[in-house]
Amino acid sequence: MQDSIKLDLLVLSPHPDDAELLCGGVLLKAKRAGKKIGVVDLTEGEMGTRGSIAIRRKEIAAASALIGLDARENLRLRDGHLIEDAKLLSALVGVLRKYRPTWVLAPHWEDQHPDHEALGSAIAHAAFLAGVPKFHPKSGRGVASADGLPYRPRQVWHYNNRYGIAADLVVDISDVFEQKMELARCYASQFGPGNSSVKKKAEPQTRLSHGHFEEWLRGMHAFYGQQIGVRYGEAYCVKGPLRVDGEWLF
């Protein structure tokens, strides 16, 4: 995968697997529509109850290949320690200037997981700063300069975590839902009971590893799908009016 390409769609993911689990439908639909898509994971998920960094890296590679991502990287910030500070803002501005995405997906700004909440709150600030020429001028060369137009993404959507949100928009993902389930299964260390190895049996059980997890995931998407009269939907929130024009992504 290339790691320095202008993207149509960029998903910002606090932990490996968030992009697939929470935005997998939109990623698959955008790829099918011929868009350039990428994911930036902020941490390696090292504080996760199950699995390890090494296992997660293999799972990331499998999921990325299944989607057909054009770019993916990991910022290797500290899992469980994301806060909206200068370090996070600078990292996000660098990512936005590097990939120049038209469309950004980030967590909801209100979430029970502090890493999700920090990223969801910071993205609007970072999207503004990415277009300020004097903010970290080195990373802004050719992107935001005194004699050129500043760069900012056109749209930011905030995705739903498993706790639920009142959606501003719901994307029909019925045609790619089963593929999205395959993406979730790539992260066997986290979701579902996993395999029957002794090591797996010794790991603590979590809500995500429960045998009913796939049923819950299917139910959540059916709930949002019902709201727009389709089988399965992915829910998103936006701040401010949503721009829709002749270049609509789907």
C-alpha atoms as a PDB file:
ATOM      1  CA  MET A   1       0.000   0.000   0.000  1.00  0.00           C
ATOM      2  CA  GLN A   2       1.139   3.539  -0.692  1.00  0.00           C
ATOM      3  CA  ASP A   3       1.454   5.821   2.304  1.00  0.00           C
ATOM      4  CA  SER A   4       1.644   9.236   0.599  1.00  0.00           C
ATOM      5  CA  ILE A   5      -1.268   9.600  -1.784  1.00  0.00           C
ATOM      6  CA  LYS A   6      -4.124  12.070  -2.005  1.00  0.00           C
ATOM      7  CA  LEU A   7      -7.168  10.296  -0.622  1.00  0.00           C
ATOM      8  CA  ASP A   8     -10.859  10.753  -1.249  1.00  0.00           C
ATOM      9  CA  LEU A   9     -11.680   9.175   2.112  1.00  0.00           C
ATOM     10  CA  LEU A  10      -9.587   8.921   5.282  1.00  0.00           C
ATOM     11  CA  VAL A  11     -10.711   7.109   8.433  1.00  0.00           C
ATOM     12  CA  LEU A  12      -9.019   8.137  11.680  1.00  0.00           C
ATOM     13  CA  SER A  13      -9.084   5.169  14.039  1.00  0.00           C
ATOM     14  CA  PRO A  14      -8.046   5.355  17.726  1.00  0.00           C
ATOM     15  CA  HIS A  15      -7.194   1.634  17.733  1.00  0.00           C
ATOM     16  CA  PRO A  16      -6.639  -1.033  15.076  1.00  0.00           C
ATOM     17  CA  ASP A  17     -10.069  -2.545  14.247  1.00  0.00           C
ATOM     18  CA  ASP A  18     -12.138   0.600  14.938  1.00  0.00           C
ATOM     19  CA  ALA A  19     -12.129   1.573  11.259  1.00  0.00           C
ATOM     20  CA  GLU A  20     -13.351  -1.833  10.093  1.00  0.00           C
ATOM     21  CA  LEU A  21     -15.876  -2.354  12.868  1.00  0.00           C
ATOM     22  CA  LEU A  22     -17.384   1.128  12.807  1.00  0.00           C
ATOM     23  CA  CYS A  23     -16.798   2.387   9.234  1.00  0.00           C
ATOM     24  CA  GLY A  24     -16.279  -0.824   7.273  1.00  0.00           C
ATOM     25  CA  GLY A  25     -19.441  -0.387   5.242  1.00  0.00           C
ATOM     26  CA  VAL A  26     -18.543   3.079   3.995  1.00  0.00           C
ATOM     27  CA  LEU A  27     -14.963   1.989   3.289  1.00  0.00           C
ATOM     28  CA  LEU A  28     -16.182  -0.928   1.184  1.00  0.00           C
ATOM     29  CA  LYS A  29     -18.727   1.197  -0.691  1.00  0.00           C
ATOM     30  CA  ALA A  30     -16.193   3.948  -1.374  1.00  0.00           C
ATOM     31  CA  LYS A  31     -13.693   1.410  -2.703  1.00  0.00           C
ATOM     32  CA  ARG A  32     -16.367  -0.128  -4.915  1.00  0.00           C
ATOM     33  CA  ALA A  33     -17.078   3.375  -6.266  1.00  0.00           C
ATOM     34  CA  GLY A  34     -13.423   3.719  -7.303  1.00  0.00           C
ATOM     35  CA  LYS A  35     -12.372   6.140  -4.574  1.00  0.00           C
ATOM     36  CA  LYS A  36      -8.918   6.335  -2.996  1.00  0.00           C
ATOM     37  CA  ILE A  37      -9.309   5.276   0.618  1.00  0.00           C
ATOM     38  CA  GLY A  38      -7.035   5.016   3.637  1.00  0.00           C
ATOM     39  CA  VAL A  39      -6.893   4.458   7.386  1.00  0.00           C
ATOM     40  CA  VAL A  40      -4.637   6.019   9.995  1.00  0.00           C
ATOM     41  CA  ASP A  41      -4.584   4.166  13.319  1.00  0.00           C
ATOM     42  CA  LEU A  42      -3.467   6.380  16.176  1.00  0.00           C
ATOM     43  CA  THR A  43      -2.341   3.592  18.538  1.00  0.00           C
ATOM     44  CA  GLU A  44      -1.452  -0.085  18.313  1.00  0.00           C
ATOM     45  CA  GLY A  45      -4.142  -1.099  20.779  1.00  0.00           C
ATOM     46  CA  GLU A  46      -1.541  -2.318  23.236  1.00  0.00           C
ATOM     47  CA  MET A  47      -3.842  -1.829  26.248  1.00  0.00           C
ATOM     48  CA  GLY A  48      -6.444  -4.210  24.852  1.00  0.00           C
ATOM     49  CA  THR A  49      -7.472  -7.008  27.221  1.00  0.00           C
ATOM     50  CA  ARG A  50      -6.890  -9.693  24.587  1.00  0.00           C
ATOM     51  CA  GLY A  51      -4.272 -10.280  21.923  1.00  0.00           C
ATOM     52  CA  SER A  52      -0.952  -8.466  21.430  1.00  0.00           C
ATOM     53  CA  ILE A  53       0.644  -5.888  19.150  1.00  0.00           C
ATOM     54  CA  ALA A  54       2.147  -8.665  17.006  1.00  0.00           C
ATOM     55  CA  ILE A  55      -1.230 -10.369  16.583  1.00  0.00           C
ATOM     56  CA  ARG A  56      -2.955  -7.058  15.853  1.00  0.00           C
ATOM     57  CA  ARG A  57      -0.438  -6.265  13.109  1.00  0.00           C
ATOM     58  CA  LYS A  58      -1.252  -9.522  11.333  1.00  0.00           C
ATOM     59  CA  GLU A  59      -4.958  -8.832  11.699  1.00  0.00           C
ATOM     60  CA  ILE A  60      -4.519  -5.305  10.327  1.00  0.00           C
ATOM     61  CA  ALA A  61      -2.732  -6.648   7.254  1.00  0.00           C
ATOM     62  CA  ALA A  62      -5.501  -9.169   6.583  1.00  0.00           C
ATOM     63  CA  ALA A  63      -8.297  -6.612   6.983  1.00  0.00           C
ATOM     64  CA  SER A  64      -6.496  -3.973   4.910  1.00  0.00           C
ATOM     65  CA  ALA A  65      -6.032  -6.427   2.050  1.00  0.00           C
ATOM     66  CA  LEU A  66      -9.679  -7.463   2.219  1.00  0.00           C
ATOM     67  CA  ILE A  67     -10.833  -3.849   1.906  1.00  0.00           C
ATOM     68  CA  GLY A  68      -8.226  -2.939  -0.695  1.00  0.00           C
ATOM     69  CA  LEU A  69      -6.914   0.132   1.138  1.00  0.00           C
ATOM     70  CA  ASP A  70      -4.712   2.528  -0.804  1.00  0.00           C
ATOM     71  CA  ALA A  71      -2.891   3.665   2.350  1.00  0.00           C
ATOM     72  CA  ARG A  72      -2.603   2.689   6.002  1.00  0.00           C
ATOM     73  CA  GLU A  73      -0.248   3.781   8.751  1.00  0.00           C
ATOM     74  CA  ASN A  74      -0.018   3.804  12.540  1.00  0.00           C
ATOM     75  CA  LEU A  75       1.057   6.894  14.499  1.00  0.00           C
ATOM     76  CA  ARG A  76       2.021   4.740  17.517  1.00  0.00           C
ATOM     77  CA  LEU A  77       0.623   7.131  20.096  1.00  0.00           C
ATOM     78  CA  ARG A  78      -0.034   5.661  23.551  1.00  0.00           C
ATOM     79  CA  ASP A  79      -3.175   3.576  23.799  1.00  0.00           C
ATOM     80  CA  GLY A  80      -5.400   4.795  26.613  1.00  0.00           C
ATOM     81  CA  HIS A  81      -3.607   8.146  26.807  1.00  0.00           C
ATOM     82  CA  LEU A  82      -5.081  10.184  23.957  1.00  0.00           C
ATOM     83  CA  ILE A  83      -6.091  13.675  25.019  1.00  0.00           C
ATOM     84  CA  GLU A  84      -6.824  16.770  22.977  1.00  0.00           C
ATOM     85  CA  ASP A  85      -3.458  18.459  23.408  1.00  0.00           C
ATOM     86  CA  ALA A  86      -0.769  20.012  21.198  1.00  0.00           C
ATOM     87  CA  LYS A  87       0.795  16.608  20.477  1.00  0.00           C
ATOM     88  CA  LEU A  88      -2.439  15.099  19.190  1.00  0.00           C
ATOM     89  CA  LEU A  89      -3.370  18.196  17.186  1.00  0.00           C
ATOM     90  CA  SER A  90       0.056  18.343  15.533  1.00  0.00           C
ATOM     91  CA  ALA A  91      -0.127  14.649  14.632  1.00  0.00           C
ATOM     92  CA  LEU A  92      -3.580  15.049  13.119  1.00  0.00           C
ATOM     93  CA  VAL A  93      -2.617  18.161  11.149  1.00  0.00           C
ATOM     94  CA  GLY A  94       0.369  16.282   9.720  1.00  0.00           C
ATOM     95  CA  VAL A  95      -1.887  13.419   8.624  1.00  0.00           C
ATOM     96  CA  LEU A  96      -4.463  15.733   7.029  1.00  0.00           C
ATOM     97  CA  ARG A  97      -1.800  17.645   5.130  1.00  0.00           C
ATOM     98  CA  LYS A  98      -0.092  14.447   4.012  1.00  0.00           C
ATOM     99  CA  TYR A  99      -3.148  12.700   2.587  1.00  0.00           C
ATOM    100  CA  ARG A 100      -5.296  15.770   1.730  1.00  0.00           C
ATOM    101  CA  PRO A 101      -8.553  13.829   2.157  1.00  0.00           C
ATOM    102  CA  THR A 102     -11.785  15.203   0.781  1.00  0.00           C
ATOM    103  CA  TRP A 103     -13.761  13.312   3.387  1.00  0.00           C
ATOM    104  CA  VAL A 104     -12.700  12.377   6.946  1.00  0.00           C
ATOM    105  CA  LEU A 105     -14.352   9.909   9.319  1.00  0.00           C
ATOM    106  CA  ALA A 106     -13.542  10.170  13.030  1.00  0.00           C
ATOM    107  CA  PRO A 107     -15.163   9.025  16.293  1.00  0.00           C
ATOM    108  CA  HIS A 108     -18.112  10.793  17.840  1.00  0.00           C
ATOM    109  CA  TRP A 109     -17.056  13.598  20.174  1.00  0.00           C
ATOM    110  CA  GLU A 110     -19.045  12.015  23.018  1.00  0.00           C
ATOM    111  CA  ASP A 111     -18.006   8.440  23.760  1.00  0.00           C
ATOM    112  CA  GLN A 112     -17.482   6.271  26.797  1.00  0.00           C
ATOM    113  CA  HIS A 113     -13.986   5.370  25.591  1.00  0.00           C
ATOM    114  CA  PRO A 114     -11.662   8.331  26.356  1.00  0.00           C
ATOM    115  CA  ASP A 115      -9.444   7.704  23.305  1.00  0.00           C
ATOM    116  CA  HIS A 116     -12.458   7.898  20.996  1.00  0.00           C
ATOM    117  CA  GLU A 117     -13.748  11.027  22.698  1.00  0.00           C
ATOM    118  CA  ALA A 118     -10.363  12.764  22.528  1.00  0.00           C
ATOM    119  CA  LEU A 119      -9.972  12.103  18.804  1.00  0.00           C
ATOM    120  CA  GLY A 120     -13.596  12.996  18.073  1.00  0.00           C
ATOM    121  CA  SER A 121     -13.206  16.316  19.874  1.00  0.00           C
ATOM    122  CA  ALA A 122      -9.818  17.134  18.348  1.00  0.00           C
ATOM    123  CA  ILE A 123     -10.602  16.526  14.686  1.00  0.00           C
ATOM    124  CA  ALA A 124     -12.539  19.773  14.086  1.00  0.00           C
ATOM    125  CA  HIS A 125      -9.706  21.772  15.679  1.00  0.00           C
ATOM    126  CA  ALA A 126      -7.109  19.897  13.635  1.00  0.00           C
ATOM    127  CA  ALA A 127      -9.078  20.317  10.388  1.00  0.00           C
ATOM    128  CA  PHE A 128      -9.054  24.072  10.965  1.00  0.00           C
ATOM    129  CA  LEU A 129      -5.354  24.216  11.843  1.00  0.00           C
ATOM    130  CA  ALA A 130      -4.444  22.150   8.769  1.00  0.00           C
ATOM    131  CA  GLY A 131      -5.429  25.173   6.696  1.00  0.00           C
ATOM    132  CA  VAL A 132      -3.474  27.713   8.771  1.00  0.00           C
ATOM    133  CA  PRO A 133      -0.171  28.377   6.943  1.00  0.00           C
ATOM    134  CA  LYS A 134       1.715  29.430  10.061  1.00  0.00           C
ATOM    135  CA  PHE A 135       0.840  26.296  12.034  1.00  0.00           C
ATOM    136  CA  HIS A 136       3.842  23.991  11.635  1.00  0.00           C
ATOM    137  CA  PRO A 137       4.945  25.525   8.305  1.00  0.00           C
ATOM    138  CA  LYS A 138       7.258  22.574   7.506  1.00  0.00           C
ATOM    139  CA  SER A 139       4.373  20.100   7.250  1.00  0.00           C
ATOM    140  CA  GLY A 140       2.399  22.696   5.325  1.00  0.00           C
ATOM    141  CA  ARG A 141       4.779  23.123   2.394  1.00  0.00           C
ATOM    142  CA  GLY A 142       2.834  22.819  -0.824  1.00  0.00           C
ATOM    143  CA  VAL A 143      -0.378  22.357   1.109  1.00  0.00           C
ATOM    144  CA  ALA A 144      -0.962  25.503   3.112  1.00  0.00           C
ATOM    145  CA  SER A 145       1.176  28.525   2.316  1.00  0.00           C
ATOM    146  CA  ALA A 146       0.923  32.295   2.278  1.00  0.00           C
ATOM    147  CA  ASP A 147       0.655  32.393  -1.530  1.00  0.00           C
ATOM    148  CA  GLY A 148      -1.722  29.446  -1.924  1.00  0.00           C
ATOM    149  CA  LEU A 149      -5.118  28.279  -0.798  1.00  0.00           C
ATOM    150  CA  PRO A 150      -5.119  26.577   2.618  1.00  0.00           C
ATOM    151  CA  TYR A 151      -6.049  22.900   2.745  1.00  0.00           C
ATOM    152  CA  ARG A 152      -8.976  21.621   4.772  1.00  0.00           C
ATOM    153  CA  PRO A 153     -11.128  18.497   4.293  1.00  0.00           C
ATOM    154  CA  ARG A 154     -14.535  19.175   2.773  1.00  0.00           C
ATOM    155  CA  GLN A 155     -16.472  16.938   5.164  1.00  0.00           C
ATOM    156  CA  VAL A 156     -15.993  15.371   8.589  1.00  0.00           C
ATOM    157  CA  TRP A 157     -18.358  12.605   9.656  1.00  0.00           C
ATOM    158  CA  HIS A 158     -18.375  11.189  13.183  1.00  0.00           C
ATOM    159  CA  TYR A 159     -18.963   7.465  13.429  1.00  0.00           C
ATOM    160  CA  ASN A 160     -20.938   5.445  15.919  1.00  0.00           C
ATOM    161  CA  ASN A 161     -19.379   3.325  18.628  1.00  0.00           C
ATOM    162  CA  ARG A 162     -21.259   0.366  20.088  1.00  0.00           C
ATOM    163  CA  TYR A 163     -22.910   2.558  22.741  1.00  0.00           C
ATOM    164  CA  GLY A 164     -25.204   4.156  20.144  1.00  0.00           C
ATOM    165  CA  ILE A 165     -25.861   7.670  18.856  1.00  0.00           C
ATOM    166  CA  ALA A 166     -28.819   9.585  17.463  1.00  0.00           C
ATOM    167  CA  ALA A 167     -27.741   9.596  13.816  1.00  0.00           C
ATOM    168  CA  ASP A 168     -27.731  12.670  11.581  1.00  0.00           C
ATOM    169  CA  LEU A 169     -27.363  10.399   8.571  1.00  0.00           C
ATOM    170  CA  VAL A 170     -27.438   6.676   7.920  1.00  0.00           C
ATOM    171  CA  VAL A 171     -25.629   5.019   5.013  1.00  0.00           C
ATOM    172  CA  ASP A 172     -27.278   1.979   3.440  1.00  0.00           C
ATOM    173  CA  ILE A 173     -24.636  -0.767   3.670  1.00  0.00           C
ATOM    174  CA  SER A 174     -26.954  -3.697   2.972  1.00  0.00           C
ATOM    175  CA  ASP A 175     -25.032  -4.682  -0.160  1.00  0.00           C
ATOM    176  CA  VAL A 176     -21.677  -4.855   1.647  1.00  0.00           C
ATOM    177  CA  PHE A 177     -22.757  -5.886   5.132  1.00  0.00           C
ATOM    178  CA  GLU A 178     -21.598  -9.486   4.915  1.00  0.00           C
ATOM    179  CA  GLN A 179     -18.192  -8.259   3.723  1.00  0.00           C
ATOM    180  CA  LYS A 180     -18.108  -5.950   6.730  1.00  0.00           C
ATOM    181  CA  MET A 181     -18.710  -8.958   8.973  1.00  0.00           C
ATOM    182  CA  GLU A 182     -15.720 -10.633   7.320  1.00  0.00           C
ATOM    183  CA  LEU A 183     -13.639  -7.571   8.214  1.00  0.00           C
ATOM    184  CA  ALA A 184     -14.653  -7.892  11.866  1.00  0.00           C
ATOM    185  CA  ARG A 185     -13.684 -11.574  11.791  1.00  0.00           C
ATOM    186  CA  CYS A 186     -10.163 -10.598  10.704  1.00  0.00           C
ATOM    187  CA  TYR A 187      -9.708  -9.360  14.285  1.00  0.00           C
ATOM    188  CA  ALA A 188     -10.271 -12.764  15.884  1.00  0.00           C
ATOM    189  CA  SER A 189      -8.223 -11.794  18.939  1.00  0.00           C
ATOM    190  CA  GLN A 190     -10.811  -9.144  19.798  1.00  0.00           C
ATOM    191  CA  PHE A 191     -14.205 -10.134  18.417  1.00  0.00           C
ATOM    192  CA  GLY A 192     -16.028 -13.392  18.999  1.00  0.00           C
ATOM    193  CA  PRO A 193     -14.727 -16.458  20.827  1.00  0.00           C
ATOM    194  CA  GLY A 194     -11.642 -16.818  18.595  1.00  0.00           C
ATOM    195  CA  ASN A 195     -10.044 -20.200  17.976  1.00  0.00           C
ATOM    196  CA  SER A 196      -9.790 -23.068  20.448  1.00  0.00           C
ATOM    197  CA  SER A 197      -6.123 -22.767  21.360  1.00  0.00           C
ATOM    198  CA  VAL A 198      -5.121 -23.068  25.014  1.00  0.00           C
ATOM    199  CA  LYS A 199      -3.789 -19.532  24.930  1.00  0.00           C
ATOM    200  CA  LYS A 200      -7.119 -18.209  23.663  1.00  0.00           C
ATOM    201  CA  LYS A 201      -8.994 -20.073  26.365  1.00  0.00           C
ATOM    202  CA  ALA A 202      -6.745 -18.543  29.012  1.00  0.00           C
ATOM    203  CA  GLU A 203      -7.465 -14.974  27.934  1.00  0.00           C
ATOM    204  CA  PRO A 204     -10.132 -13.000  29.814  1.00  0.00           C
ATOM    205  CA  GLN A 205     -13.620 -12.924  28.345  1.00  0.00           C
ATOM    206  CA  THR A 206     -14.827  -9.484  27.284  1.00  0.00           C
ATOM    207  CA  ARG A 207     -18.033  -8.096  25.871  1.00  0.00           C
ATOM    208  CA  LEU A 208     -16.432  -8.071  22.427  1.00  0.00           C
ATOM    209  CA  SER A 209     -15.235 -11.674  22.665  1.00  0.00           C
ATOM    210  CA  HIS A 210     -18.636 -12.972  23.753  1.00  0.00           C
ATOM    211  CA  GLY A 211     -20.121 -15.590  21.464  1.00  0.00           C
ATOM    212  CA  HIS A 212     -23.126 -13.344  20.791  1.00  0.00           C
ATOM    213  CA  PHE A 213     -21.010 -10.463  19.498  1.00  0.00           C
ATOM    214  CA  GLU A 214     -21.830 -10.985  15.820  1.00  0.00           C
ATOM    215  CA  GLU A 215     -25.518 -11.131  16.665  1.00  0.00           C
ATOM    216  CA  TRP A 216     -25.238  -7.823  18.539  1.00  0.00           C
ATOM    217  CA  LEU A 217     -23.320  -6.221  15.661  1.00  0.00           C
ATOM    218  CA  ARG A 218     -25.896  -7.376  13.148  1.00  0.00           C
ATOM    219  CA  GLY A 219     -28.685  -6.074  15.386  1.00  0.00           C
ATOM    220  CA  MET A 220     -27.117  -2.627  15.732  1.00  0.00           C
ATOM    221  CA  HIS A 221     -26.838  -2.225  11.958  1.00  0.00           C
ATOM    222  CA  ALA A 222     -30.356  -3.567  11.462  1.00  0.00           C
ATOM    223  CA  PHE A 223     -31.595  -0.956  13.958  1.00  0.00           C
ATOM    224  CA  TYR A 224     -30.098   1.911  11.973  1.00  0.00           C
ATOM    225  CA  GLY A 225     -31.126   0.335   8.682  1.00  0.00           C
ATOM    226  CA  GLN A 226     -34.728   0.191   9.844  1.00  0.00           C
ATOM    227  CA  GLN A 227     -34.654   3.962  10.372  1.00  0.00           C
ATOM    228  CA  ILE A 228     -34.145   4.521   6.626  1.00  0.00           C
ATOM    229  CA  GLY A 229     -36.115   1.535   5.392  1.00  0.00           C
ATOM    230  CA  VAL A 230     -33.222  -0.757   4.464  1.00  0.00           C
ATOM    231  CA  ARG A 231     -31.805  -3.950   5.925  1.00  0.00           C
ATOM    232  CA  TYR A 232     -28.516  -2.623   7.360  1.00  0.00           C
ATOM    233  CA  GLY A 233     -27.212   0.884   7.971  1.00  0.00           C
ATOM    234  CA  GLU A 234     -24.122   2.643   9.332  1.00  0.00           C
ATOM    235  CA  ALA A 235     -24.833   5.681  11.497  1.00  0.00           C
ATOM    236  CA  TYR A 236     -22.930   8.978  11.432  1.00  0.00           C
ATOM    237  CA  CYS A 237     -23.194  12.453  12.941  1.00  0.00           C
ATOM    238  CA  VAL A 238     -22.080  15.769  11.484  1.00  0.00           C
ATOM    239  CA  LYS A 239     -21.547  19.219  12.935  1.00  0.00           C
ATOM    240  CA  GLY A 240     -23.232  21.823  10.788  1.00  0.00           C
ATOM    241  CA  PRO A 241     -24.894  21.441   7.382  1.00  0.00           C
ATOM    242  CA  LEU A 242     -23.851  18.488   5.255  1.00  0.00           C
ATOM    243  CA  ARG A 243     -22.668  19.412   1.768  1.00  0.00           C
ATOM    244  CA  VAL A 244     -24.185  17.263  -0.983  1.00  0.00           C
ATOM    245  CA  ASP A 245     -23.460  18.004  -4.634  1.00  0.00           C
ATOM    246  CA  GLY A 246     -22.731  16.383  -7.992  1.00  0.00           C
ATOM    247  CA  GLU A 247     -19.520  14.862  -6.607  1.00  0.00           C
ATOM    248  CA  TRP A 248     -21.312  12.862  -3.926  1.00  0.00           C
ATOM    249  CA  LEU A 249     -19.048   9.964  -3.045  1.00  0.00           C
ATOM    250  CA  PHE A 250     -21.444   7.149  -3.830  1.00  0.00           C
END
